[in-house]
N, C-alpha and C. Protein backbone atom coordinates (compact mmCIF):
# COMPACT_ATOMS: atom_id res chain seq x y z
N MET A 1 14.65 13.04 -19.50
CA MET A 1 13.74 11.94 -19.21
C MET A 1 13.24 12.04 -17.77
N THR A 2 11.96 11.86 -17.56
CA THR A 2 11.35 11.94 -16.24
C THR A 2 11.64 10.67 -15.46
N GLU A 3 12.05 10.85 -14.22
CA GLU A 3 12.31 9.69 -13.37
C GLU A 3 10.99 9.08 -12.91
N ARG A 4 10.96 7.77 -12.91
CA ARG A 4 9.75 7.09 -12.44
C ARG A 4 9.69 7.16 -10.93
N ARG A 5 8.49 7.26 -10.44
CA ARG A 5 8.28 7.25 -9.00
C ARG A 5 8.17 5.80 -8.53
N LEU A 6 8.39 5.60 -7.27
CA LEU A 6 8.19 4.29 -6.64
C LEU A 6 7.13 4.45 -5.57
N ILE A 7 6.11 3.63 -5.63
CA ILE A 7 5.09 3.60 -4.60
C ILE A 7 5.31 2.32 -3.81
N ARG A 8 5.64 2.49 -2.54
CA ARG A 8 5.81 1.35 -1.65
C ARG A 8 4.50 1.15 -0.89
N VAL A 9 4.07 -0.10 -0.76
CA VAL A 9 2.79 -0.41 -0.14
C VAL A 9 3.05 -1.28 1.09
N PHE A 10 2.78 -0.72 2.26
CA PHE A 10 2.87 -1.45 3.52
C PHE A 10 2.20 -0.64 4.62
N PRO A 11 1.58 -1.30 5.59
CA PRO A 11 0.95 -0.58 6.68
C PRO A 11 1.98 -0.18 7.73
N ASP A 12 1.65 0.84 8.47
CA ASP A 12 2.48 1.25 9.60
C ASP A 12 1.59 1.94 10.61
N TYR A 13 1.79 1.62 11.86
CA TYR A 13 0.99 2.22 12.92
C TYR A 13 1.12 3.74 12.90
N GLY A 14 0.00 4.41 13.09
CA GLY A 14 0.00 5.86 13.19
C GLY A 14 -0.10 6.60 11.87
N HIS A 15 -0.27 5.86 10.78
CA HIS A 15 -0.40 6.49 9.47
C HIS A 15 -1.78 6.18 8.90
N GLU A 16 -2.31 7.12 8.14
CA GLU A 16 -3.66 6.96 7.62
C GLU A 16 -3.75 5.97 6.46
N TRP A 17 -2.72 5.90 5.63
CA TRP A 17 -2.73 5.05 4.44
C TRP A 17 -1.45 4.22 4.38
N PRO A 18 -1.51 3.03 3.77
CA PRO A 18 -0.32 2.18 3.63
C PRO A 18 0.46 2.47 2.34
N LEU A 19 0.52 3.74 1.95
CA LEU A 19 1.17 4.14 0.71
C LEU A 19 2.31 5.08 1.04
N TRP A 20 3.45 4.84 0.41
CA TRP A 20 4.65 5.60 0.71
C TRP A 20 5.33 6.01 -0.58
N GLY A 21 5.71 7.27 -0.66
CA GLY A 21 6.37 7.79 -1.84
C GLY A 21 7.87 7.79 -1.68
N ASN A 22 8.54 8.35 -2.67
CA ASN A 22 9.99 8.46 -2.61
C ASN A 22 10.42 9.77 -3.24
N SER A 23 11.57 10.21 -2.88
CA SER A 23 12.14 11.39 -3.51
C SER A 23 13.05 10.95 -4.65
N THR A 24 13.14 11.77 -5.67
CA THR A 24 14.05 11.50 -6.77
C THR A 24 14.98 12.68 -6.91
N ALA A 25 15.90 12.60 -7.81
CA ALA A 25 16.85 13.70 -8.01
C ALA A 25 16.15 14.97 -8.47
N THR A 26 15.03 14.83 -9.17
CA THR A 26 14.36 16.01 -9.72
C THR A 26 13.08 16.40 -8.98
N HIS A 27 12.56 15.54 -8.12
CA HIS A 27 11.33 15.84 -7.38
C HIS A 27 11.48 15.43 -5.93
N ASP A 28 10.89 16.22 -5.05
CA ASP A 28 10.88 15.90 -3.63
C ASP A 28 9.44 15.60 -3.23
N TYR A 29 9.08 14.33 -3.18
CA TYR A 29 7.73 13.93 -2.85
C TYR A 29 7.62 13.69 -1.35
N ALA A 30 6.42 13.87 -0.83
CA ALA A 30 6.17 13.54 0.56
C ALA A 30 6.35 12.03 0.73
N TYR A 31 6.66 11.62 1.94
CA TYR A 31 6.89 10.21 2.19
C TYR A 31 5.57 9.48 2.42
N ALA A 32 4.75 9.94 3.37
CA ALA A 32 3.45 9.33 3.62
C ALA A 32 2.47 9.90 2.61
N MET A 33 1.87 9.01 1.82
CA MET A 33 1.02 9.43 0.71
C MET A 33 -0.40 8.91 0.88
N SER A 34 -1.30 9.43 0.07
CA SER A 34 -2.69 8.97 0.07
C SER A 34 -3.08 8.58 -1.35
N PRO A 35 -4.16 7.83 -1.51
CA PRO A 35 -4.58 7.44 -2.86
C PRO A 35 -4.80 8.63 -3.78
N SER A 36 -5.29 9.74 -3.26
CA SER A 36 -5.54 10.91 -4.11
C SER A 36 -4.24 11.50 -4.66
N ASP A 37 -3.13 11.31 -3.95
CA ASP A 37 -1.84 11.79 -4.45
C ASP A 37 -1.45 11.11 -5.76
N TYR A 38 -1.98 9.92 -5.98
CA TYR A 38 -1.66 9.16 -7.19
C TYR A 38 -2.82 9.09 -8.17
N GLY A 39 -3.93 9.72 -7.83
CA GLY A 39 -5.09 9.69 -8.71
C GLY A 39 -5.77 8.33 -8.78
N LEU A 40 -5.70 7.55 -7.70
CA LEU A 40 -6.31 6.22 -7.71
C LEU A 40 -7.83 6.33 -7.69
N SER A 41 -8.49 5.37 -8.29
CA SER A 41 -9.95 5.37 -8.37
C SER A 41 -10.57 5.25 -6.98
N SER A 42 -11.82 5.66 -6.87
CA SER A 42 -12.51 5.56 -5.58
C SER A 42 -12.72 4.10 -5.19
N LYS A 43 -12.97 3.23 -6.17
CA LYS A 43 -13.14 1.80 -5.87
C LYS A 43 -11.85 1.22 -5.29
N LEU A 44 -10.71 1.54 -5.89
CA LEU A 44 -9.43 1.05 -5.37
C LEU A 44 -9.12 1.70 -4.02
N THR A 45 -9.44 2.95 -3.86
CA THR A 45 -9.23 3.63 -2.58
C THR A 45 -10.02 2.92 -1.47
N ASP A 46 -11.25 2.53 -1.76
CA ASP A 46 -12.07 1.80 -0.78
C ASP A 46 -11.43 0.45 -0.43
N ARG A 47 -10.89 -0.23 -1.43
CA ARG A 47 -10.22 -1.52 -1.17
C ARG A 47 -8.98 -1.34 -0.30
N ILE A 48 -8.21 -0.31 -0.59
CA ILE A 48 -7.01 -0.03 0.21
C ILE A 48 -7.40 0.27 1.65
N ARG A 49 -8.45 1.07 1.84
CA ARG A 49 -8.94 1.39 3.19
C ARG A 49 -9.34 0.13 3.92
N ALA A 50 -10.12 -0.74 3.27
CA ALA A 50 -10.58 -1.97 3.92
C ALA A 50 -9.39 -2.88 4.25
N TRP A 51 -8.42 -2.96 3.36
CA TRP A 51 -7.22 -3.78 3.58
C TRP A 51 -6.43 -3.27 4.77
N TYR A 52 -6.24 -1.96 4.84
CA TYR A 52 -5.50 -1.36 5.96
C TYR A 52 -6.27 -1.54 7.27
N ASP A 53 -7.58 -1.29 7.25
CA ASP A 53 -8.39 -1.43 8.45
C ASP A 53 -8.40 -2.87 8.95
N PHE A 54 -8.42 -3.84 8.04
CA PHE A 54 -8.34 -5.24 8.44
C PHE A 54 -7.04 -5.51 9.18
N TRP A 55 -5.95 -4.97 8.69
CA TRP A 55 -4.65 -5.12 9.35
C TRP A 55 -4.69 -4.53 10.76
N VAL A 56 -5.24 -3.34 10.90
CA VAL A 56 -5.32 -2.67 12.20
C VAL A 56 -6.14 -3.53 13.18
N GLU A 57 -7.24 -4.11 12.70
CA GLU A 57 -8.15 -4.85 13.56
C GLU A 57 -7.69 -6.27 13.89
N HIS A 58 -6.91 -6.89 13.01
CA HIS A 58 -6.61 -8.32 13.17
C HIS A 58 -5.14 -8.67 13.34
N GLN A 59 -4.27 -7.69 13.28
CA GLN A 59 -2.84 -7.97 13.43
C GLN A 59 -2.30 -7.16 14.60
N ASP A 60 -1.50 -7.78 15.41
CA ASP A 60 -0.91 -7.12 16.56
C ASP A 60 0.60 -7.29 16.49
N PHE A 61 1.33 -6.21 16.68
CA PHE A 61 2.79 -6.24 16.56
C PHE A 61 3.41 -7.32 17.45
N ASP A 62 2.89 -7.48 18.67
CA ASP A 62 3.46 -8.44 19.62
C ASP A 62 2.90 -9.85 19.46
N ARG A 63 1.64 -9.97 19.02
CA ARG A 63 1.00 -11.28 18.99
C ARG A 63 0.82 -11.86 17.61
N ASP A 64 1.07 -11.11 16.56
CA ASP A 64 0.86 -11.55 15.19
C ASP A 64 -0.63 -11.48 14.84
N TRP A 65 -1.11 -12.30 13.94
CA TRP A 65 -2.49 -12.27 13.46
C TRP A 65 -3.43 -12.95 14.43
N ASP A 66 -4.71 -12.56 14.38
CA ASP A 66 -5.73 -13.24 15.18
C ASP A 66 -5.76 -14.73 14.84
N SER A 67 -5.56 -15.04 13.55
CA SER A 67 -5.48 -16.43 13.10
C SER A 67 -4.56 -16.47 11.89
N PRO A 68 -3.94 -17.63 11.64
CA PRO A 68 -3.09 -17.74 10.45
C PRO A 68 -3.87 -17.45 9.16
N GLU A 69 -5.14 -17.83 9.14
CA GLU A 69 -5.96 -17.60 7.95
C GLU A 69 -6.12 -16.11 7.67
N ASP A 70 -6.24 -15.29 8.73
CA ASP A 70 -6.34 -13.84 8.55
C ASP A 70 -5.10 -13.31 7.82
N GLY A 71 -3.92 -13.76 8.25
CA GLY A 71 -2.69 -13.32 7.62
C GLY A 71 -2.59 -13.75 6.16
N ILE A 72 -2.97 -14.97 5.89
CA ILE A 72 -2.93 -15.49 4.51
C ILE A 72 -3.89 -14.70 3.62
N HIS A 73 -5.09 -14.47 4.10
CA HIS A 73 -6.09 -13.69 3.35
C HIS A 73 -5.57 -12.28 3.10
N TRP A 74 -5.00 -11.66 4.11
CA TRP A 74 -4.53 -10.28 4.01
C TRP A 74 -3.39 -10.15 3.00
N ILE A 75 -2.46 -11.09 3.02
CA ILE A 75 -1.34 -11.07 2.05
C ILE A 75 -1.89 -11.21 0.63
N ALA A 76 -2.81 -12.13 0.42
CA ALA A 76 -3.37 -12.34 -0.92
C ALA A 76 -4.07 -11.08 -1.41
N GLU A 77 -4.84 -10.45 -0.55
CA GLU A 77 -5.54 -9.22 -0.93
C GLU A 77 -4.52 -8.11 -1.21
N GLY A 78 -3.46 -8.05 -0.42
CA GLY A 78 -2.42 -7.04 -0.66
C GLY A 78 -1.76 -7.21 -2.01
N LYS A 79 -1.51 -8.43 -2.42
CA LYS A 79 -0.93 -8.69 -3.74
C LYS A 79 -1.86 -8.23 -4.85
N ASP A 80 -3.15 -8.49 -4.68
CA ASP A 80 -4.13 -8.07 -5.68
C ASP A 80 -4.26 -6.54 -5.72
N ILE A 81 -4.25 -5.92 -4.56
CA ILE A 81 -4.32 -4.45 -4.49
C ILE A 81 -3.09 -3.84 -5.14
N ALA A 82 -1.92 -4.36 -4.85
CA ALA A 82 -0.69 -3.83 -5.48
C ALA A 82 -0.77 -3.94 -7.00
N ALA A 83 -1.30 -5.04 -7.50
CA ALA A 83 -1.46 -5.19 -8.96
C ALA A 83 -2.43 -4.16 -9.51
N SER A 84 -3.49 -3.88 -8.77
CA SER A 84 -4.46 -2.87 -9.21
C SER A 84 -3.85 -1.47 -9.19
N ILE A 85 -3.08 -1.17 -8.17
CA ILE A 85 -2.39 0.12 -8.12
C ILE A 85 -1.45 0.23 -9.31
N ARG A 86 -0.68 -0.83 -9.53
CA ARG A 86 0.28 -0.87 -10.64
C ARG A 86 -0.41 -0.54 -11.97
N ALA A 87 -1.58 -1.10 -12.18
CA ALA A 87 -2.32 -0.87 -13.43
C ALA A 87 -2.75 0.60 -13.56
N GLN A 88 -3.07 1.23 -12.44
CA GLN A 88 -3.55 2.61 -12.50
C GLN A 88 -2.43 3.65 -12.56
N VAL A 89 -1.21 3.27 -12.20
CA VAL A 89 -0.10 4.25 -12.19
C VAL A 89 1.01 3.88 -13.16
N LYS A 90 0.75 2.95 -14.05
CA LYS A 90 1.79 2.41 -14.91
C LYS A 90 2.51 3.46 -15.75
N GLU A 91 1.87 4.58 -16.00
CA GLU A 91 2.48 5.63 -16.82
C GLU A 91 3.60 6.37 -16.10
N PHE A 92 3.56 6.41 -14.76
CA PHE A 92 4.52 7.25 -14.05
C PHE A 92 5.18 6.61 -12.83
N ALA A 93 4.76 5.40 -12.44
CA ALA A 93 5.31 4.84 -11.20
C ALA A 93 5.40 3.32 -11.25
N ASP A 94 6.29 2.82 -10.41
CA ASP A 94 6.39 1.40 -10.16
C ASP A 94 5.81 1.18 -8.75
N VAL A 95 5.38 -0.04 -8.47
CA VAL A 95 4.74 -0.35 -7.20
C VAL A 95 5.46 -1.54 -6.58
N ARG A 96 5.74 -1.42 -5.28
CA ARG A 96 6.40 -2.52 -4.57
C ARG A 96 5.63 -2.80 -3.28
N LEU A 97 5.06 -4.00 -3.18
CA LEU A 97 4.39 -4.44 -1.96
C LEU A 97 5.46 -4.92 -0.99
N GLU A 98 5.44 -4.39 0.23
CA GLU A 98 6.48 -4.71 1.21
C GLU A 98 5.82 -5.25 2.48
N VAL A 99 5.31 -6.47 2.38
CA VAL A 99 4.68 -7.12 3.51
C VAL A 99 5.21 -8.55 3.61
N GLY A 100 5.07 -9.14 4.80
CA GLY A 100 5.53 -10.52 4.99
C GLY A 100 4.66 -11.51 4.24
N GLU A 101 4.86 -12.73 4.49
CA GLU A 101 4.10 -13.78 3.80
C GLU A 101 3.00 -14.35 4.67
N GLY A 102 2.44 -13.55 5.54
CA GLY A 102 1.31 -14.03 6.36
C GLY A 102 1.80 -14.37 7.69
């Protein structure tokens, strides 16, 4: 039986995409991943890019969000993006969004 992959979704400074893979007993996957590694659609890839770029532009590690509304909007969009990823990879992977609550 093939082991399911886990796609973790969270931003991190210095990385191009907020997608992270995992290694399993039978496969050694790279840790920092891109949408093309999972065969995600171009529309979803564009949404992930916009979501990540919004985080880079409006969230600061030391100061938090530019406004509480920015954080709330970003979390909601992240939940929707994770659901969309889940729908596109349901045959081979599980998806876990790992972000705070705004």
